[in-house]
PDB file of all heavy atoms in Angstrom:
ATOM      1  N   CYS A   1     -25.802  34.345  67.096  1.00  0.00           N
ATOM      2  CA  CYS A   1     -26.681  33.351  66.463  1.00  0.00           C
ATOM      3  C   CYS A   1     -28.151  33.694  66.688  1.00  0.00           C
ATOM      4  O   CYS A   1     -28.982  33.515  65.788  1.00  0.00           O
ATOM      5  CB  CYS A   1     -26.382  31.956  67.008  1.00  0.00           C
ATOM      6  SG  CYS A   1     -24.774  31.286  66.527  1.00  0.00           S
ATOM      7  N   GLN A   2     -28.476  34.196  67.862  1.00  0.00           N
ATOM      8  CA  GLN A   2     -29.863  34.554  68.148  1.00  0.00           C
ATOM      9  C   GLN A   2     -30.345  35.696  67.264  1.00  0.00           C
ATOM     10  O   GLN A   2     -31.516  35.750  66.891  1.00  0.00           O
ATOM     11  CB  GLN A   2     -30.023  34.906  69.626  1.00  0.00           C
ATOM     12  CG  GLN A   2     -29.906  33.698  70.554  1.00  0.00           C
ATOM     13  CD  GLN A   2     -29.943  34.080  72.024  1.00  0.00           C
ATOM     14  OE1 GLN A   2     -29.772  35.246  72.390  1.00  0.00           O
ATOM     15  NE2 GLN A   2     -30.145  33.090  72.888  1.00  0.00           N
ATOM     16  N   ARG A   3     -29.442  36.601  66.920  1.00  0.00           N
ATOM     17  CA  ARG A   3     -29.829  37.746  66.081  1.00  0.00           C
ATOM     18  C   ARG A   3     -30.201  37.325  64.659  1.00  0.00           C
ATOM     19  O   ARG A   3     -30.867  38.080  63.947  1.00  0.00           O
ATOM     20  CB  ARG A   3     -28.706  38.793  66.055  1.00  0.00           C
ATOM     21  CG  ARG A   3     -28.608  39.635  67.316  1.00  0.00           C
ATOM     22  CD  ARG A   3     -27.762  40.873  67.103  1.00  0.00           C
ATOM     23  NE  ARG A   3     -26.369  40.554  66.917  1.00  0.00           N
ATOM     24  CZ  ARG A   3     -25.483  40.471  67.908  1.00  0.00           C
ATOM     25  NH1 ARG A   3     -25.857  40.694  69.159  1.00  0.00           N
ATOM     26  NH2 ARG A   3     -24.216  40.180  67.660  1.00  0.00           N
ATOM     27  N   VAL A   4     -29.763  36.153  64.244  1.00  0.00           N
ATOM     28  CA  VAL A   4     -30.147  35.651  62.914  1.00  0.00           C
ATOM     29  C   VAL A   4     -31.172  34.526  63.043  1.00  0.00           C
ATOM     30  O   VAL A   4     -31.260  33.639  62.197  1.00  0.00           O
ATOM     31  CB  VAL A   4     -28.904  35.185  62.116  1.00  0.00           C
ATOM     32  CG1 VAL A   4     -28.014  36.365  61.772  1.00  0.00           C
ATOM     33  CG2 VAL A   4     -28.109  34.111  62.877  1.00  0.00           C
ATOM     34  N   ASN A   5     -31.939  34.555  64.154  1.00  0.00           N
ATOM     35  CA  ASN A   5     -33.016  33.578  64.399  1.00  0.00           C
ATOM     36  C   ASN A   5     -32.495  32.151  64.500  1.00  0.00           C
ATOM     37  O   ASN A   5     -33.147  31.209  64.048  1.00  0.00           O
ATOM     38  CB  ASN A   5     -34.095  33.667  63.318  1.00  0.00           C
ATOM     39  CG  ASN A   5     -34.794  34.999  63.307  1.00  0.00           C
ATOM     40  OD1 ASN A   5     -35.064  35.572  64.359  1.00  0.00           O
ATOM     41  ND2 ASN A   5     -35.078  35.516  62.118  1.00  0.00           N
ATOM     42  N   GLY A   6     -31.309  32.001  65.083  1.00  0.00           N
ATOM     43  CA  GLY A   6     -30.741  30.674  65.243  1.00  0.00           C
ATOM     44  C   GLY A   6     -30.149  30.488  66.622  1.00  0.00           C
ATOM     45  O   GLY A   6     -30.459  31.224  67.570  1.00  0.00           O
ATOM     46  N   SER A   7     -29.277  29.503  66.752  1.00  0.00           N
ATOM     47  CA  SER A   7     -28.577  29.215  67.998  1.00  0.00           C
ATOM     48  C   SER A   7     -27.257  28.551  67.648  1.00  0.00           C
ATOM     49  O   SER A   7     -27.041  28.136  66.506  1.00  0.00           O
ATOM     50  CB  SER A   7     -29.419  28.306  68.898  1.00  0.00           C
ATOM     51  OG  SER A   7     -29.651  27.063  68.249  1.00  0.00           O
ATOM     52  N   LEU A   8     -26.356  28.459  68.630  1.00  0.00           N
ATOM     53  CA  LEU A   8     -25.148  27.672  68.400  1.00  0.00           C
ATOM     54  C   LEU A   8     -25.562  26.236  68.086  1.00  0.00           C
ATOM     55  O   LEU A   8     -26.465  25.686  68.711  1.00  0.00           O
ATOM     56  CB  LEU A   8     -24.241  27.701  69.634  1.00  0.00           C
ATOM     57  CG  LEU A   8     -23.413  28.970  69.838  1.00  0.00           C
ATOM     58  CD1 LEU A   8     -22.613  28.876  71.131  1.00  0.00           C
ATOM     59  CD2 LEU A   8     -22.475  29.223  68.664  1.00  0.00           C
ATOM     60  N   ALA A   9     -24.902  25.638  67.113  1.00  0.00           N
ATOM     61  CA  ALA A   9     -25.356  24.359  66.570  1.00  0.00           C
ATOM     62  C   ALA A   9     -25.233  23.225  67.580  1.00  0.00           C
ATOM     63  O   ALA A   9     -24.229  23.089  68.278  1.00  0.00           O
ATOM     64  CB  ALA A   9     -24.559  24.019  65.312  1.00  0.00           C
ATOM     65  N   THR A  10     -26.297  22.434  67.657  1.00  0.00           N
ATOM     66  CA  THR A  10     -26.258  21.128  68.301  1.00  0.00           C
ATOM     67  C   THR A  10     -26.728  20.114  67.268  1.00  0.00           C
ATOM     68  O   THR A  10     -27.287  20.484  66.232  1.00  0.00           O
ATOM     69  CB  THR A  10     -27.175  21.087  69.543  1.00  0.00           C
ATOM     70  OG1 THR A  10     -28.488  21.533  69.171  1.00  0.00           O
ATOM     71  CG2 THR A  10     -26.633  21.977  70.647  1.00  0.00           C
ATOM     72  N   PHE A  11     -26.526  18.837  67.547  1.00  0.00           N
ATOM     73  CA  PHE A  11     -26.754  17.817  66.526  1.00  0.00           C
ATOM     74  C   PHE A  11     -27.684  16.729  67.048  1.00  0.00           C
ATOM     75  O   PHE A  11     -27.625  16.342  68.210  1.00  0.00           O
ATOM     76  CB  PHE A  11     -25.426  17.207  66.091  1.00  0.00           C
ATOM     77  CG  PHE A  11     -24.389  18.248  65.772  1.00  0.00           C
ATOM     78  CD1 PHE A  11     -23.270  18.410  66.567  1.00  0.00           C
ATOM     79  CD2 PHE A  11     -24.561  19.111  64.697  1.00  0.00           C
ATOM     80  CE1 PHE A  11     -22.329  19.389  66.291  1.00  0.00           C
ATOM     81  CE2 PHE A  11     -23.630  20.094  64.411  1.00  0.00           C
ATOM     82  CZ  PHE A  11     -22.512  20.229  65.206  1.00  0.00           C
ATOM     83  N   THR A  12     -28.564  16.266  66.167  1.00  0.00           N
ATOM     84  CA  THR A  12     -29.547  15.266  66.550  1.00  0.00           C
ATOM     85  C   THR A  12     -29.032  13.846  66.382  1.00  0.00           C
ATOM     86  O   THR A  12     -29.515  12.937  67.038  1.00  0.00           O
ATOM     87  CB  THR A  12     -30.822  15.424  65.714  1.00  0.00           C
ATOM     88  OG1 THR A  12     -30.480  15.319  64.320  1.00  0.00           O
ATOM     89  CG2 THR A  12     -31.469  16.783  65.953  1.00  0.00           C
ATOM     90  N   ALA A  13     -28.090  13.639  65.483  1.00  0.00           N
ATOM     91  CA  ALA A  13     -27.623  12.282  65.189  1.00  0.00           C
ATOM     92  C   ALA A  13     -26.269  12.346  64.506  1.00  0.00           C
ATOM     93  O   ALA A  13     -25.806  13.416  64.085  1.00  0.00           O
ATOM     94  CB  ALA A  13     -28.630  11.545  64.296  1.00  0.00           C
ATOM     95  N   ASP A  14     -25.622  11.180  64.386  1.00  0.00           N
ATOM     96  CA  ASP A  14     -24.319  11.104  63.731  1.00  0.00           C
ATOM     97  C   ASP A  14     -24.385  11.591  62.279  1.00  0.00           C
ATOM     98  O   ASP A  14     -23.428  12.176  61.776  1.00  0.00           O
ATOM     99  CB  ASP A  14     -23.798   9.672  63.757  1.00  0.00           C
ATOM    100  CG  ASP A  14     -23.321   9.256  65.144  1.00  0.00           C
ATOM    101  OD1 ASP A  14     -23.067  10.152  65.971  1.00  0.00           O
ATOM    102  OD2 ASP A  14     -23.215   8.044  65.401  1.00  0.00           O
ATOM    103  N   GLN A  15     -25.517  11.328  61.613  1.00  0.00           N
ATOM    104  CA  GLN A  15     -25.630  11.722  60.209  1.00  0.00           C
ATOM    105  C   GLN A  15     -25.517  13.237  60.049  1.00  0.00           C
ATOM    106  O   GLN A  15     -24.891  13.727  59.109  1.00  0.00           O
ATOM    107  CB  GLN A  15     -26.969  11.240  59.633  1.00  0.00           C
ATOM    108  CG  GLN A  15     -27.075   9.730  59.498  1.00  0.00           C
ATOM    109  CD  GLN A  15     -27.608   9.089  60.767  1.00  0.00           C
ATOM    110  OE1 GLN A  15     -27.546   9.676  61.846  1.00  0.00           O
ATOM    111  NE2 GLN A  15     -28.136   7.884  60.626  1.00  0.00           N
ATOM    112  N   GLU A  16     -26.121  13.972  60.961  1.00  0.00           N
ATOM    113  CA  GLU A  16     -26.043  15.429  60.890  1.00  0.00           C
ATOM    114  C   GLU A  16     -24.620  15.900  61.146  1.00  0.00           C
ATOM    115  O   GLU A  16     -24.112  16.791  60.458  1.00  0.00           O
ATOM    116  CB  GLU A  16     -26.994  16.050  61.899  1.00  0.00           C
ATOM    117  CG  GLU A  16     -27.038  17.579  61.849  1.00  0.00           C
ATOM    118  CD  GLU A  16     -27.948  18.177  62.896  1.00  0.00           C
ATOM    119  OE1 GLU A  16     -28.482  17.409  63.745  1.00  0.00           O
ATOM    120  OE2 GLU A  16     -28.125  19.404  62.894  1.00  0.00           O
ATOM    121  N   LEU A  17     -23.955  15.305  62.112  1.00  0.00           N
ATOM    122  CA  LEU A  17     -22.569  15.672  62.396  1.00  0.00           C
ATOM    123  C   LEU A  17     -21.679  15.352  61.202  1.00  0.00           C
ATOM    124  O   LEU A  17     -20.798  16.154  60.846  1.00  0.00           O
ATOM    125  CB  LEU A  17     -22.075  14.952  63.647  1.00  0.00           C
ATOM    126  CG  LEU A  17     -20.617  15.202  64.044  1.00  0.00           C
ATOM    127  CD1 LEU A  17     -20.353  16.683  64.261  1.00  0.00           C
ATOM    128  CD2 LEU A  17     -20.258  14.393  65.292  1.00  0.00           C
ATOM    129  N   ARG A  18     -21.896  14.215  60.559  1.00  0.00           N
ATOM    130  CA  ARG A  18     -21.089  13.871  59.382  1.00  0.00           C
ATOM    131  C   ARG A  18     -21.305  14.887  58.260  1.00  0.00           C
ATOM    132  O   ARG A  18     -20.372  15.214  57.526  1.00  0.00           O
ATOM    133  CB  ARG A  18     -21.433  12.459  58.908  1.00  0.00           C
ATOM    134  CG  ARG A  18     -20.826  11.361  59.761  1.00  0.00           C
ATOM    135  CD  ARG A  18     -20.810  10.025  59.026  1.00  0.00           C
ATOM    136  NE  ARG A  18     -22.156   9.516  58.822  1.00  0.00           N
ATOM    137  CZ  ARG A  18     -22.776   8.706  59.666  1.00  0.00           C
ATOM    138  NH1 ARG A  18     -22.171   8.326  60.789  1.00  0.00           N
ATOM    139  NH2 ARG A  18     -23.983   8.258  59.408  1.00  0.00           N
ATOM    140  N   PHE A  19     -22.527  15.378  58.123  1.00  0.00           N
ATOM    141  CA  PHE A  19     -22.794  16.416  57.127  1.00  0.00           C
ATOM    142  C   PHE A  19     -21.964  17.663  57.424  1.00  0.00           C
ATOM    143  O   PHE A  19     -21.349  18.252  56.522  1.00  0.00           O
ATOM    144  CB  PHE A  19     -24.283  16.765  57.125  1.00  0.00           C
ATOM    145  CG  PHE A  19     -24.616  18.025  56.366  1.00  0.00           C
ATOM    146  CD1 PHE A  19     -24.749  18.007  54.985  1.00  0.00           C
ATOM    147  CD2 PHE A  19     -24.784  19.227  57.036  1.00  0.00           C
ATOM    148  CE1 PHE A  19     -25.038  19.169  54.282  1.00  0.00           C
ATOM    149  CE2 PHE A  19     -25.080  20.399  56.344  1.00  0.00           C
ATOM    150  CZ  PHE A  19     -25.200  20.362  54.959  1.00  0.00           C
ATOM    151  N   ILE A  20     -21.924  18.076  58.678  1.00  0.00           N
ATOM    152  CA  ILE A  20     -21.158  19.258  59.071  1.00  0.00           C
ATOM    153  C   ILE A  20     -19.673  19.059  58.789  1.00  0.00           C
ATOM    154  O   ILE A  20     -18.995  19.938  58.238  1.00  0.00           O
ATOM    155  CB  ILE A  20     -21.378  19.570  60.566  1.00  0.00           C
ATOM    156  CG1 ILE A  20     -22.842  19.959  60.825  1.00  0.00           C
ATOM    157  CG2 ILE A  20     -20.440  20.674  61.052  1.00  0.00           C
ATOM    158  CD1 ILE A  20     -23.292  21.205  60.104  1.00  0.00           C
ATOM    159  N   LEU A  21     -19.148  17.900  59.139  1.00  0.00           N
ATOM    160  CA  LEU A  21     -17.717  17.640  58.969  1.00  0.00           C
ATOM    161  C   LEU A  21     -17.321  17.576  57.499  1.00  0.00           C
ATOM    162  O   LEU A  21     -16.179  17.880  57.139  1.00  0.00           O
ATOM    163  CB  LEU A  21     -17.342  16.327  59.664  1.00  0.00           C
ATOM    164  CG  LEU A  21     -17.528  16.297  61.182  1.00  0.00           C
ATOM    165  CD1 LEU A  21     -17.289  14.895  61.716  1.00  0.00           C
ATOM    166  CD2 LEU A  21     -16.618  17.299  61.865  1.00  0.00           C
ATOM    167  N   ALA A  22     -18.256  17.186  56.633  1.00  0.00           N
ATOM    168  CA  ALA A  22     -17.934  17.026  55.207  1.00  0.00           C
ATOM    169  C   ALA A  22     -17.974  18.339  54.435  1.00  0.00           C
ATOM    170  O   ALA A  22     -17.487  18.396  53.299  1.00  0.00           O
ATOM    171  CB  ALA A  22     -18.910  16.042  54.564  1.00  0.00           C
ATOM    172  N   GLN A  23     -18.521  19.396  55.040  1.00  0.00           N
ATOM    173  CA  GLN A  23     -18.655  20.661  54.311  1.00  0.00           C
ATOM    174  C   GLN A  23     -17.313  21.357  54.143  1.00  0.00           C
ATOM    175  O   GLN A  23     -16.442  21.290  55.015  1.00  0.00           O
ATOM    176  CB  GLN A  23     -19.629  21.598  55.032  1.00  0.00           C
ATOM    177  CG  GLN A  23     -21.033  21.051  55.172  1.00  0.00           C
ATOM    178  CD  GLN A  23     -21.591  20.586  53.852  1.00  0.00           C
ATOM    179  OE1 GLN A  23     -21.724  21.361  52.908  1.00  0.00           O
ATOM    180  NE2 GLN A  23     -21.918  19.301  53.776  1.00  0.00           N
ATOM    181  N   GLU A  24     -17.178  22.031  53.017  1.00  0.00           N
ATOM    182  CA  GLU A  24     -15.997  22.865  52.794  1.00  0.00           C
ATOM    183  C   GLU A  24     -16.408  24.307  53.093  1.00  0.00           C
ATOM    184  O   GLU A  24     -16.865  25.048  52.238  1.00  0.00           O
ATOM    185  CB  GLU A  24     -15.503  22.741  51.360  1.00  0.00           C
ATOM    186  CG  GLU A  24     -14.179  23.443  51.118  1.00  0.00           C
ATOM    187  CD  GLU A  24     -13.592  23.106  49.756  1.00  0.00           C
ATOM    188  OE1 GLU A  24     -14.165  22.273  49.041  1.00  0.00           O
ATOM    189  OE2 GLU A  24     -12.547  23.694  49.419  1.00  0.00           O
ATOM    190  N   TRP A  25     -16.280  24.677  54.348  1.00  0.00           N
ATOM    191  CA  TRP A  25     -16.720  25.994  54.790  1.00  0.00           C
ATOM    192  C   TRP A  25     -15.825  27.075  54.200  1.00  0.00           C
ATOM    193  O   TRP A  25     -14.622  26.885  54.024  1.00  0.00           O
ATOM    194  CB  TRP A  25     -16.699  26.073  56.314  1.00  0.00           C
ATOM    195  CG  TRP A  25     -17.536  25.024  56.969  1.00  0.00           C
ATOM    196  CD1 TRP A  25     -17.100  23.843  57.503  1.00  0.00           C
ATOM    197  CD2 TRP A  25     -18.956  25.036  57.123  1.00  0.00           C
ATOM    198  NE1 TRP A  25     -18.159  23.120  57.990  1.00  0.00           N
ATOM    199  CE2 TRP A  25     -19.314  23.823  57.775  1.00  0.00           C
ATOM    200  CE3 TRP A  25     -19.959  25.946  56.784  1.00  0.00           C
ATOM    201  CZ2 TRP A  25     -20.624  23.516  58.091  1.00  0.00           C
ATOM    202  CZ3 TRP A  25     -21.264  25.634  57.101  1.00  0.00           C
ATOM    203  CH2 TRP A  25     -21.592  24.441  57.741  1.00  0.00           C
ATOM    204  N   ASP A  26     -16.417  28.213  53.904  1.00  0.00           N
ATOM    205  CA  ASP A  26     -15.663  29.347  53.364  1.00  0.00           C
ATOM    206  C   ASP A  26     -14.967  30.068  54.513  1.00  0.00           C
ATOM    207  O   ASP A  26     -15.484  31.023  55.090  1.00  0.00           O
ATOM    208  CB  ASP A  26     -16.608  30.308  52.630  1.00  0.00           C
ATOM    209  CG  ASP A  26     -17.265  29.650  51.433  1.00  0.00           C
ATOM    210  OD1 ASP A  26     -16.614  28.788  50.819  1.00  0.00           O
ATOM    211  OD2 ASP A  26     -18.419  29.990  51.136  1.00  0.00           O
ATOM    212  N   LEU A  27     -13.775  29.589  54.830  1.00  0.00           N
ATOM    213  CA  LEU A  27     -13.066  30.101  55.992  1.00  0.00           C
ATOM    214  C   LEU A  27     -11.696  30.628  55.605  1.00  0.00           C
ATOM    215  O   LEU A  27     -11.110  30.220  54.612  1.00  0.00           O
ATOM    216  CB  LEU A  27     -12.887  28.996  57.033  1.00  0.00           C
ATOM    217  CG  LEU A  27     -14.184  28.322  57.523  1.00  0.00           C
ATOM    218  CD1 LEU A  27     -13.842  27.189  58.459  1.00  0.00           C
ATOM    219  CD2 LEU A  27     -15.061  29.341  58.209  1.00  0.00           C
ATOM    220  N   GLU A  28     -11.206  31.547  56.436  1.00  0.00           N
ATOM    221  CA  GLU A  28      -9.860  32.077  56.240  1.00  0.00           C
ATOM    222  C   GLU A  28      -8.898  31.319  57.145  1.00  0.00           C
ATOM    223  O   GLU A  28      -9.202  31.019  58.294  1.00  0.00           O
ATOM    224  CB  GLU A  28      -9.828  33.567  56.589  1.00  0.00           C
ATOM    225  CG  GLU A  28     -10.740  34.410  55.714  1.00  0.00           C
ATOM    226  CD  GLU A  28     -10.798  35.849  56.195  1.00  0.00           C
ATOM    227  OE1 GLU A  28     -10.092  36.153  57.181  1.00  0.00           O
ATOM    228  OE2 GLU A  28     -11.538  36.635  55.601  1.00  0.00           O
ATOM    229  N   GLU A  29      -7.743  31.032  56.609  1.00  0.00           N
ATOM    230  CA  GLU A  29      -6.769  30.265  57.381  1.00  0.00           C
ATOM    231  C   GLU A  29      -6.347  30.991  58.653  1.00  0.00           C
ATOM    232  O   GLU A  29      -6.100  30.393  59.675  1.00  0.00           O
ATOM    233  CB  GLU A  29      -5.540  29.959  56.515  1.00  0.00           C
ATOM    234  CG  GLU A  29      -5.835  28.994  55.369  1.00  0.00           C
ATOM    235  CD  GLU A  29      -4.616  28.756  54.506  1.00  0.00           C
ATOM    236  OE1 GLU A  29      -3.607  29.451  54.735  1.00  0.00           O
ATOM    237  OE2 GLU A  29      -4.659  27.900  53.626  1.00  0.00           O
ATOM    238  N   LYS A  30      -6.273  32.324  58.583  1.00  0.00           N
ATOM    239  CA  LYS A  30      -5.787  33.073  59.738  1.00  0.00           C
ATOM    240  C   LYS A  30      -6.733  33.005  60.931  1.00  0.00           C
ATOM    241  O   LYS A  30      -6.378  33.376  62.039  1.00  0.00           O
ATOM    242  CB  LYS A  30      -5.565  34.536  59.354  1.00  0.00           C
ATOM    243  CG  LYS A  30      -6.847  35.274  58.992  1.00  0.00           C
ATOM    244  CD  LYS A  30      -6.550  36.699  58.589  1.00  0.00           C
ATOM    245  CE  LYS A  30      -7.830  37.463  58.238  1.00  0.00           C
ATOM    246  NZ  LYS A  30      -7.536  38.847  57.822  1.00  0.00           N
ATOM    247  N   ALA A  31      -7.965  32.506  60.703  1.00  0.00           N
ATOM    248  CA  ALA A  31      -8.926  32.415  61.794  1.00  0.00           C
ATOM    249  C   ALA A  31      -8.643  31.212  62.695  1.00  0.00           C
ATOM    250  O   ALA A  31      -9.291  31.049  63.717  1.00  0.00           O
ATOM    251  CB  ALA A  31     -10.342  32.319  61.251  1.00  0.00           C
ATOM    252  N   PHE A  32      -7.659  30.392  62.347  1.00  0.00           N
ATOM    253  CA  PHE A  32      -7.404  29.174  63.094  1.00  0.00           C
ATOM    254  C   PHE A  32      -5.924  29.060  63.423  1.00  0.00           C
ATOM    255  O   PHE A  32      -5.078  29.611  62.746  1.00  0.00           O
ATOM    256  CB  PHE A  32      -7.872  27.948  62.303  1.00  0.00           C
ATOM    257  CG  PHE A  32      -9.331  28.009  61.987  1.00  0.00           C
ATOM    258  CD1 PHE A  32      -9.771  28.618  60.828  1.00  0.00           C
ATOM    259  CD2 PHE A  32     -10.256  27.503  62.872  1.00  0.00           C
ATOM    260  CE1 PHE A  32     -11.110  28.704  60.546  1.00  0.00           C
ATOM    261  CE2 PHE A  32     -11.595  27.587  62.610  1.00  0.00           C
ATOM    262  CZ  PHE A  32     -12.027  28.185  61.443  1.00  0.00           C
TER     263      PHE A  32
END
């Protein structure tokens, strides 16, 4: 995450967490 000028995600409020949970991330099933 640091290499892309970021960090592991933390959240400021419930609204931000709800945004994360509502996303349809482009993920592969085998990763879980």
